[in-house]
Amino acid sequence: MNRFAWPLAIFALLVVLLAIGLSLDPREVPSPFIGKTAPEFSLQQLHAAENSFSPEQLKGKVWLFNVWASWCVSCRQEHPLLMQLARTGSVPIYGLNYKDQRADAIRWLDQWGDPYQFSAHDLDGAIGIDWGVYGVPETFVIDKAGVVRHKHVGPVTSKALTDEILPLVKKLQAEG
């Protein structure tokens, strides 16, 4: 009898671990940057390569940082919502064009609209790696002090926007 107890116990433990794993939401990936200063960088702007962009320039503002690419199917899914959000003016959106050819990215924004104040161009993906990006799209909420307060993995949905992102943005904007 004891001979079957260990394999049965190990099997039961594996079933429990599998059940726990299947119940987790893959979009709720914890970020080591939550509550920490956003990683610093300086990159060329997508539309104006002679100008650079650094998060340091946005200290004192609450803003969204959306990582996107023209080759990203999910980015196209969230894009109309970002366009709608940009039209409201409730929070500025800055982009990080990730592992994309400049001409392809500009053509994509010309075709679908440009919700960004501007986008930084991260051709080799190094800045995305520094920010902990492992896929696009990803969206970060950055507070006035330059601290990452929220990370949304995958396309932003209406529900995520109204239930999580915009309430946090309003709270952070109200803080002095």
Protein backbone atom coordinates (compact mmCIF):
# COMPACT_ATOMS: atom_id res chain seq x y z
CA MET A 1 0.00 0.00 0.00
CA ASN A 2 2.84 2.38 0.90
CA ARG A 3 4.32 1.76 -2.53
CA PHE A 4 1.37 3.60 -4.17
CA ALA A 5 1.09 6.39 -1.58
CA TRP A 6 4.05 8.48 -2.80
CA PRO A 7 3.18 8.44 -6.51
CA LEU A 8 -0.45 9.21 -5.65
CA ALA A 9 0.58 12.10 -3.37
CA ILE A 10 2.89 13.53 -6.04
CA PHE A 11 0.15 13.21 -8.66
CA ALA A 12 -2.35 14.98 -6.37
CA LEU A 13 0.15 17.79 -5.74
CA LEU A 14 0.70 18.23 -9.48
CA VAL A 15 -3.07 18.38 -10.08
CA VAL A 16 -3.40 21.09 -7.40
CA LEU A 17 -0.53 23.13 -8.89
CA LEU A 18 -2.01 22.80 -12.37
CA ALA A 19 -5.42 23.96 -11.12
CA ILE A 20 -3.83 26.99 -9.43
CA GLY A 21 -1.87 27.83 -12.58
CA LEU A 22 -4.94 27.59 -14.80
CA SER A 23 -6.88 29.95 -12.53
CA LEU A 24 -4.32 32.77 -12.89
CA ASP A 25 -4.86 35.63 -15.34
CA PRO A 26 -1.84 35.91 -17.67
CA ARG A 27 -2.56 39.63 -18.13
CA GLU A 28 -1.85 40.25 -14.46
CA VAL A 29 1.88 39.80 -14.69
CA PRO A 30 3.54 41.56 -11.78
CA SER A 31 6.11 44.13 -12.78
CA PRO A 32 9.20 44.72 -10.68
CA PHE A 33 8.91 48.41 -11.63
CA ILE A 34 5.60 49.08 -9.88
CA GLY A 35 6.32 51.67 -7.20
CA LYS A 36 9.79 52.39 -8.60
CA THR A 37 11.15 55.17 -10.77
CA ALA A 38 10.62 54.45 -14.46
CA PRO A 39 13.77 53.25 -16.23
CA GLU A 40 15.60 56.18 -17.77
CA PHE A 41 16.45 56.37 -21.47
CA SER A 42 16.91 58.81 -24.29
CA LEU A 43 15.74 57.82 -27.77
CA GLN A 44 15.05 59.52 -31.06
CA GLN A 45 11.45 60.46 -31.68
CA LEU A 46 9.75 58.43 -34.39
CA HIS A 47 8.58 61.35 -36.54
CA ALA A 48 11.46 63.67 -35.73
CA ALA A 49 14.74 61.77 -35.46
CA GLU A 50 16.55 65.02 -34.69
CA ASN A 51 14.59 65.25 -31.41
CA SER A 52 14.99 62.91 -28.49
CA PHE A 53 12.59 61.73 -25.80
CA SER A 54 13.33 60.87 -22.20
CA PRO A 55 10.87 60.14 -19.37
CA GLU A 56 12.70 62.82 -17.39
CA GLN A 57 11.05 65.40 -19.69
CA LEU A 58 7.63 64.44 -18.32
CA LYS A 59 8.29 64.87 -14.60
CA GLY A 60 5.35 66.71 -13.07
CA LYS A 61 2.82 65.03 -15.41
CA VAL A 62 0.78 61.85 -15.15
CA TRP A 63 1.08 60.01 -18.46
CA LEU A 64 0.60 56.71 -20.24
CA PHE A 65 3.47 54.92 -21.93
CA ASN A 66 2.21 52.53 -24.61
CA VAL A 67 4.60 50.04 -26.20
CA TRP A 68 3.47 49.24 -29.76
CA ALA A 69 4.61 48.10 -33.21
CA SER A 70 3.21 48.15 -36.74
CA TRP A 71 3.66 44.37 -36.97
CA CYS A 72 1.61 43.79 -33.79
CA VAL A 73 -1.91 42.46 -34.43
CA SER A 74 -3.04 43.17 -30.86
CA CYS A 75 -1.84 46.77 -31.18
CA ARG A 76 -4.32 47.25 -33.99
CA GLN A 77 -7.03 45.83 -31.72
CA GLU A 78 -6.42 48.43 -28.98
CA HIS A 79 -5.67 51.32 -31.34
CA PRO A 80 -9.24 52.68 -31.76
CA LEU A 81 -9.56 52.88 -27.98
CA LEU A 82 -6.26 54.77 -27.72
CA MET A 83 -7.47 57.16 -30.43
CA GLN A 84 -10.67 57.74 -28.48
CA LEU A 85 -8.72 58.29 -25.25
CA ALA A 86 -6.38 60.77 -26.96
CA ARG A 87 -9.37 62.78 -28.22
CA THR A 88 -10.66 63.19 -24.63
CA GLY A 89 -7.41 64.80 -23.54
CA SER A 90 -7.76 63.17 -20.11
CA VAL A 91 -4.18 61.86 -20.08
CA PRO A 92 -1.29 62.31 -22.50
CA ILE A 93 -0.16 59.13 -24.25
CA TYR A 94 3.44 58.62 -25.30
CA GLY A 95 4.51 55.68 -27.39
CA LEU A 96 7.48 53.37 -27.60
CA ASN A 97 7.69 51.97 -31.10
CA TYR A 98 9.24 48.58 -30.39
CA LYS A 99 11.50 46.60 -32.77
CA ASP A 100 9.96 48.23 -35.81
CA GLN A 101 11.23 49.89 -38.95
CA ARG A 102 10.72 53.66 -38.78
CA ALA A 103 9.02 53.85 -42.20
CA ASP A 104 6.62 51.00 -41.36
CA ALA A 105 5.67 52.61 -38.05
CA ILE A 106 5.05 56.04 -39.60
CA ARG A 107 3.00 54.49 -42.41
CA TRP A 108 0.93 52.55 -39.81
CA LEU A 109 0.19 55.72 -37.80
CA ASP A 110 -0.67 57.61 -41.01
CA GLN A 111 -3.14 54.86 -41.89
CA TRP A 112 -4.77 54.25 -38.48
CA GLY A 113 -4.25 57.60 -36.73
CA ASP A 114 -1.74 58.79 -34.18
CA PRO A 115 -2.94 58.93 -30.55
CA TYR A 116 0.53 59.73 -29.20
CA GLN A 117 1.99 63.07 -28.21
CA PHE A 118 4.96 61.42 -29.89
CA SER A 119 6.62 58.02 -29.99
CA ALA A 120 10.19 57.09 -29.26
CA HIS A 121 11.79 54.70 -31.74
CA ASP A 122 13.31 51.57 -30.14
CA LEU A 123 14.57 49.69 -33.19
CA ASP A 124 16.67 47.10 -31.36
CA GLY A 125 14.27 46.66 -28.41
CA ALA A 126 16.85 47.55 -25.75
CA ILE A 127 14.62 50.08 -24.00
CA GLY A 128 11.69 47.68 -24.05
CA ILE A 129 13.89 45.13 -22.32
CA ASP A 130 14.90 47.72 -19.71
CA TRP A 131 11.20 48.32 -19.02
CA GLY A 132 10.49 44.60 -18.67
CA VAL A 133 8.49 44.37 -21.89
CA TYR A 134 8.14 40.83 -23.14
CA GLY A 135 5.44 41.42 -25.73
CA VAL A 136 3.44 44.20 -27.31
CA PRO A 137 1.25 45.96 -26.57
CA GLU A 138 1.97 46.90 -22.99
CA THR A 139 0.85 50.10 -21.29
CA PHE A 140 2.29 51.77 -18.20
CA VAL A 141 0.82 54.51 -16.00
CA ILE A 142 3.54 56.90 -14.81
CA ASP A 143 2.92 59.40 -12.00
CA LYS A 144 4.15 63.00 -11.59
CA ALA A 145 7.33 61.87 -9.87
CA GLY A 146 8.20 59.50 -12.72
CA VAL A 147 7.21 56.38 -10.79
CA VAL A 148 5.56 53.41 -12.55
CA ARG A 149 2.19 52.95 -10.88
CA HIS A 150 0.51 50.37 -13.14
CA LYS A 151 1.33 47.99 -15.98
CA HIS A 152 -1.27 46.59 -18.35
CA VAL A 153 -0.15 43.62 -20.43
CA GLY A 154 -1.88 43.06 -23.77
CA PRO A 155 -4.33 45.31 -25.57
CA VAL A 156 -6.05 47.91 -23.43
CA THR A 157 -9.77 47.16 -23.27
CA SER A 158 -12.68 49.46 -22.44
CA LYS A 159 -13.10 47.60 -19.15
CA ALA A 160 -9.42 47.98 -18.20
CA LEU A 161 -9.56 51.64 -19.13
CA THR A 162 -12.70 52.46 -17.13
CA ASP A 163 -12.10 50.13 -14.18
CA GLU A 164 -8.33 50.43 -13.65
CA ILE A 165 -6.39 52.90 -15.75
CA LEU A 166 -8.54 56.06 -15.78
CA PRO A 167 -9.48 55.92 -12.08
CA LEU A 168 -5.78 55.59 -11.22
CA VAL A 169 -4.88 58.45 -13.59
CA LYS A 170 -7.51 60.72 -11.99
CA LYS A 171 -6.29 59.84 -8.50
CA LEU A 172 -2.67 60.53 -9.45
CA GLN A 173 -3.57 63.81 -11.18
CA ALA A 174 -5.41 64.98 -8.05
CA GLU A 175 -2.40 64.25 -5.82
CA GLY A 176 -0.25 67.31 -5.21
